[in-house]
Amino acid sequence: MKLAIHTDAAPALRKNFTMREKTVRELEFLTRLTGKKQSQVIQELIHKESEAKRNELRLEKLRSLKGRFTGLIGEEQSIQRMKSERVL
């Protein structure tokens, strides 16, 4: 008896959708080229696109942080002044 093992915790779901004829031809091209099933090609493309979008969002968040950490030392303060004022 063989067991089907899925890497995802959730069971597989079947979604029916329609595509334009040109898209279907491109999908058939990719399946022939890669030797994979259509569902595998679609899954891989979705995962790649999702990861790219997540990376874009992370980069936007990182860019929004740029400059937030400047000015931690007050305008009137300097490292040299802080060193000279410290008690040994």
C-alpha atoms as a PDB file:
ATOM      1  CA  MET A   1       0.000   0.000   0.000  1.00  0.00           C
ATOM      2  CA  LYS A   2       1.487   3.341  -1.062  1.00  0.00           C
ATOM      3  CA  LEU A   3       0.804   6.554   0.822  1.00  0.00           C
ATOM      4  CA  ALA A   4       0.673   9.912  -0.895  1.00  0.00           C
ATOM      5  CA  ILE A   5       2.824  12.352   1.047  1.00  0.00           C
ATOM      6  CA  HIS A   6       2.227  16.067   0.610  1.00  0.00           C
ATOM      7  CA  THR A   7       4.780  18.600   1.816  1.00  0.00           C
ATOM      8  CA  ASP A   8       1.985  21.043   2.693  1.00  0.00           C
ATOM      9  CA  ALA A   9       0.017  20.496   5.875  1.00  0.00           C
ATOM     10  CA  ALA A  10      -3.296  21.261   4.150  1.00  0.00           C
ATOM     11  CA  PRO A  11      -4.894  18.750   1.799  1.00  0.00           C
ATOM     12  CA  ALA A  12      -4.677  19.403  -1.921  1.00  0.00           C
ATOM     13  CA  LEU A  13      -7.555  21.384  -3.396  1.00  0.00           C
ATOM     14  CA  ARG A  14      -8.758  21.434  -6.948  1.00  0.00           C
ATOM     15  CA  LYS A  15      -9.536  24.845  -8.403  1.00  0.00           C
ATOM     16  CA  ASN A  16     -11.134  25.119 -11.791  1.00  0.00           C
ATOM     17  CA  PHE A  17     -10.452  28.252 -13.763  1.00  0.00           C
ATOM     18  CA  THR A  18     -10.453  29.409 -17.354  1.00  0.00           C
ATOM     19  CA  MET A  19      -7.546  30.783 -19.348  1.00  0.00           C
ATOM     20  CA  ARG A  20      -7.203  32.529 -22.623  1.00  0.00           C
ATOM     21  CA  GLU A  21      -6.162  30.379 -25.536  1.00  0.00           C
ATOM     22  CA  LYS A  22      -2.745  32.051 -25.769  1.00  0.00           C
ATOM     23  CA  THR A  23      -2.117  31.336 -22.082  1.00  0.00           C
ATOM     24  CA  VAL A  24      -3.060  27.696 -22.563  1.00  0.00           C
ATOM     25  CA  ARG A  25      -0.587  27.425 -25.459  1.00  0.00           C
ATOM     26  CA  GLU A  26       2.141  28.961 -23.284  1.00  0.00           C
ATOM     27  CA  LEU A  27       1.320  26.548 -20.470  1.00  0.00           C
ATOM     28  CA  GLU A  28       1.488  23.604 -22.866  1.00  0.00           C
ATOM     29  CA  PHE A  29       4.850  24.900 -24.122  1.00  0.00           C
ATOM     30  CA  LEU A  30       6.209  25.090 -20.569  1.00  0.00           C
ATOM     31  CA  THR A  31       4.958  21.596 -19.735  1.00  0.00           C
ATOM     32  CA  ARG A  32       6.648  20.129 -22.801  1.00  0.00           C
ATOM     33  CA  LEU A  33       9.844  22.076 -22.140  1.00  0.00           C
ATOM     34  CA  THR A  34      10.096  21.123 -18.460  1.00  0.00           C
ATOM     35  CA  GLY A  35       8.554  17.659 -18.656  1.00  0.00           C
ATOM     36  CA  LYS A  36       6.245  18.515 -15.777  1.00  0.00           C
ATOM     37  CA  LYS A  37       2.483  18.387 -15.369  1.00  0.00           C
ATOM     38  CA  GLN A  38       0.477  21.545 -15.941  1.00  0.00           C
ATOM     39  CA  SER A  39      -0.457  21.754 -12.267  1.00  0.00           C
ATOM     40  CA  GLN A  40       3.223  21.532 -11.283  1.00  0.00           C
ATOM     41  CA  VAL A  41       4.162  24.331 -13.669  1.00  0.00           C
ATOM     42  CA  ILE A  42       1.328  26.520 -12.383  1.00  0.00           C
ATOM     43  CA  GLN A  43       2.267  25.847  -8.745  1.00  0.00           C
ATOM     44  CA  GLU A  44       5.921  26.710  -9.345  1.00  0.00           C
ATOM     45  CA  LEU A  45       5.024  29.927 -11.142  1.00  0.00           C
ATOM     46  CA  ILE A  46       2.658  30.956  -8.348  1.00  0.00           C
ATOM     47  CA  HIS A  47       5.303  30.258  -5.699  1.00  0.00           C
ATOM     48  CA  LYS A  48       7.972  32.196  -7.606  1.00  0.00           C
ATOM     49  CA  GLU A  49       5.679  35.188  -8.123  1.00  0.00           C
ATOM     50  CA  SER A  50       4.518  35.144  -4.496  1.00  0.00           C
ATOM     51  CA  GLU A  51       8.102  35.061  -3.223  1.00  0.00           C
ATOM     52  CA  ALA A  52       9.056  37.930  -5.544  1.00  0.00           C
ATOM     53  CA  LYS A  53       6.150  40.027  -4.238  1.00  0.00           C
ATOM     54  CA  ARG A  54       7.065  39.203  -0.614  1.00  0.00           C
ATOM     55  CA  ASN A  55      10.639  40.296  -1.288  1.00  0.00           C
ATOM     56  CA  GLU A  56       9.380  43.569  -2.797  1.00  0.00           C
ATOM     57  CA  LEU A  57       7.285  44.220   0.327  1.00  0.00           C
ATOM     58  CA  ARG A  58      10.247  43.458   2.596  1.00  0.00           C
ATOM     59  CA  LEU A  59      12.440  45.812   0.586  1.00  0.00           C
ATOM     60  CA  GLU A  60       9.831  48.588   0.834  1.00  0.00           C
ATOM     61  CA  LYS A  61       9.700  48.148   4.617  1.00  0.00           C
ATOM     62  CA  LEU A  62      13.479  48.217   4.815  1.00  0.00           C
ATOM     63  CA  ARG A  63      13.625  51.363   2.695  1.00  0.00           C
ATOM     64  CA  SER A  64      11.028  53.015   4.933  1.00  0.00           C
ATOM     65  CA  LEU A  65      13.365  52.454   7.895  1.00  0.00           C
ATOM     66  CA  LYS A  66      16.234  54.219   6.148  1.00  0.00           C
ATOM     67  CA  GLY A  67      17.139  57.351   8.042  1.00  0.00           C
ATOM     68  CA  ARG A  68      15.099  56.549  11.127  1.00  0.00           C
ATOM     69  CA  PHE A  69      18.152  55.711  13.154  1.00  0.00           C
ATOM     70  CA  THR A  70      20.087  58.851  12.366  1.00  0.00           C
ATOM     71  CA  GLY A  71      20.158  61.523  14.993  1.00  0.00           C
ATOM     72  CA  LEU A  72      20.319  59.157  17.940  1.00  0.00           C
ATOM     73  CA  ILE A  73      23.066  61.400  19.246  1.00  0.00           C
ATOM     74  CA  GLY A  74      21.677  64.909  19.709  1.00  0.00           C
ATOM     75  CA  GLU A  75      22.683  67.735  17.426  1.00  0.00           C
ATOM     76  CA  GLU A  76      24.710  69.419  20.180  1.00  0.00           C
ATOM     77  CA  GLN A  77      26.478  66.183  21.107  1.00  0.00           C
ATOM     78  CA  SER A  78      29.461  64.596  19.437  1.00  0.00           C
ATOM     79  CA  ILE A  79      31.400  61.436  20.151  1.00  0.00           C
ATOM     80  CA  GLN A  80      34.467  63.497  21.036  1.00  0.00           C
ATOM     81  CA  ARG A  81      32.492  65.573  23.544  1.00  0.00           C
ATOM     82  CA  MET A  82      30.933  62.454  25.075  1.00  0.00           C
ATOM     83  CA  LYS A  83      34.407  60.916  25.485  1.00  0.00           C
ATOM     84  CA  SER A  84      35.802  64.042  27.107  1.00  0.00           C
ATOM     85  CA  GLU A  85      32.872  64.272  29.549  1.00  0.00           C
ATOM     86  CA  ARG A  86      32.905  60.660  30.701  1.00  0.00           C
ATOM     87  CA  VAL A  87      34.254  59.882  34.144  1.00  0.00           C
ATOM     88  CA  LEU A  88      37.143  57.460  34.312  1.00  0.00           C
END
